Protein backbone atom coordinates (compact mmCIF):
# COMPACT_ATOMS: atom_id res chain seq x y z
CA MET A 1 -55.40 -50.36 -5.88
CA ASP A 2 -54.02 -52.91 -8.30
CA ILE A 3 -56.65 -55.40 -7.12
CA PHE A 4 -59.46 -52.94 -7.90
CA LYS A 5 -57.93 -52.12 -11.27
CA GLY A 6 -57.64 -55.82 -12.09
CA LYS A 7 -53.86 -55.60 -12.44
CA ALA A 8 -53.12 -58.01 -9.57
CA THR A 9 -54.81 -60.81 -7.68
CA VAL A 10 -55.32 -60.91 -3.94
CA ALA A 11 -52.75 -63.71 -3.71
CA GLU A 12 -50.14 -61.67 -5.60
CA VAL A 13 -50.61 -58.65 -3.36
CA ALA A 14 -50.49 -60.84 -0.25
CA ARG A 15 -47.17 -62.35 -1.36
CA GLN A 16 -45.75 -58.97 -2.32
CA HIS A 17 -46.51 -57.45 1.09
CA ASP A 18 -45.93 -60.59 3.20
CA LEU A 19 -49.57 -60.78 4.32
CA THR A 20 -52.10 -63.57 4.41
CA VAL A 21 -54.70 -63.77 1.67
CA SER A 22 -57.47 -63.40 4.25
CA ALA A 23 -55.86 -60.21 5.63
CA VAL A 24 -55.73 -58.69 2.14
CA GLU A 25 -59.30 -59.78 1.41
CA GLY A 26 -60.42 -58.13 4.66
CA ARG A 27 -58.71 -54.89 3.72
CA VAL A 28 -60.21 -55.01 0.23
CA ASP A 29 -63.69 -55.53 1.69
CA GLU A 30 -63.21 -52.69 4.18
CA THR A 31 -61.89 -50.38 1.47
CA GLN A 32 -64.81 -51.21 -0.78
CA ARG A 33 -67.31 -50.44 2.01
CA ASN A 34 -65.57 -47.13 2.70
CA MET A 35 -65.62 -46.20 -0.98
CA GLU A 36 -69.32 -47.05 -1.26
CA ASN A 37 -69.98 -45.05 1.90
CA GLY A 38 -68.20 -42.06 0.36
CA PHE A 39 -70.83 -41.87 -2.38
CA LYS A 40 -73.72 -41.61 0.07
CA ALA A 41 -75.31 -38.26 0.85
CA ARG A 42 -74.72 -38.72 4.58
CA PRO A 43 -71.91 -41.24 5.13
CA LYS A 44 -71.90 -43.34 8.28
CA ASN A 45 -68.82 -41.67 9.74
CA THR A 46 -70.53 -38.27 9.47
CA ARG A 47 -73.51 -39.56 11.40
CA GLU A 48 -71.21 -41.00 14.05
CA GLN A 49 -69.28 -37.73 14.23
CA ASP A 50 -72.53 -35.77 14.63
CA GLY A 51 -73.31 -37.87 17.69
CA ALA A 52 -69.81 -37.33 19.10
CA ASP A 53 -70.12 -33.56 18.60
CA LEU A 54 -73.47 -33.57 20.36
CA TRP A 55 -72.00 -35.52 23.27
CA GLU A 56 -69.10 -33.06 23.59
CA THR A 57 -71.42 -30.03 23.71
CA LYS A 58 -73.55 -31.63 26.43
CA GLY A 59 -70.56 -32.86 28.44
């Protein structure tokens, strides 16, 4: 969260948590996609879940 708030850099967070910079960047990118998805009317995970529910009812 500190990265999004501008309170810390990716490198600082990576050092603090003993991670690589690329690992932190990947998590930041994934988190950003998930947050953007949360603002959509029908998020991707809901669409995927709808398909899983349909499969369970047919199976």
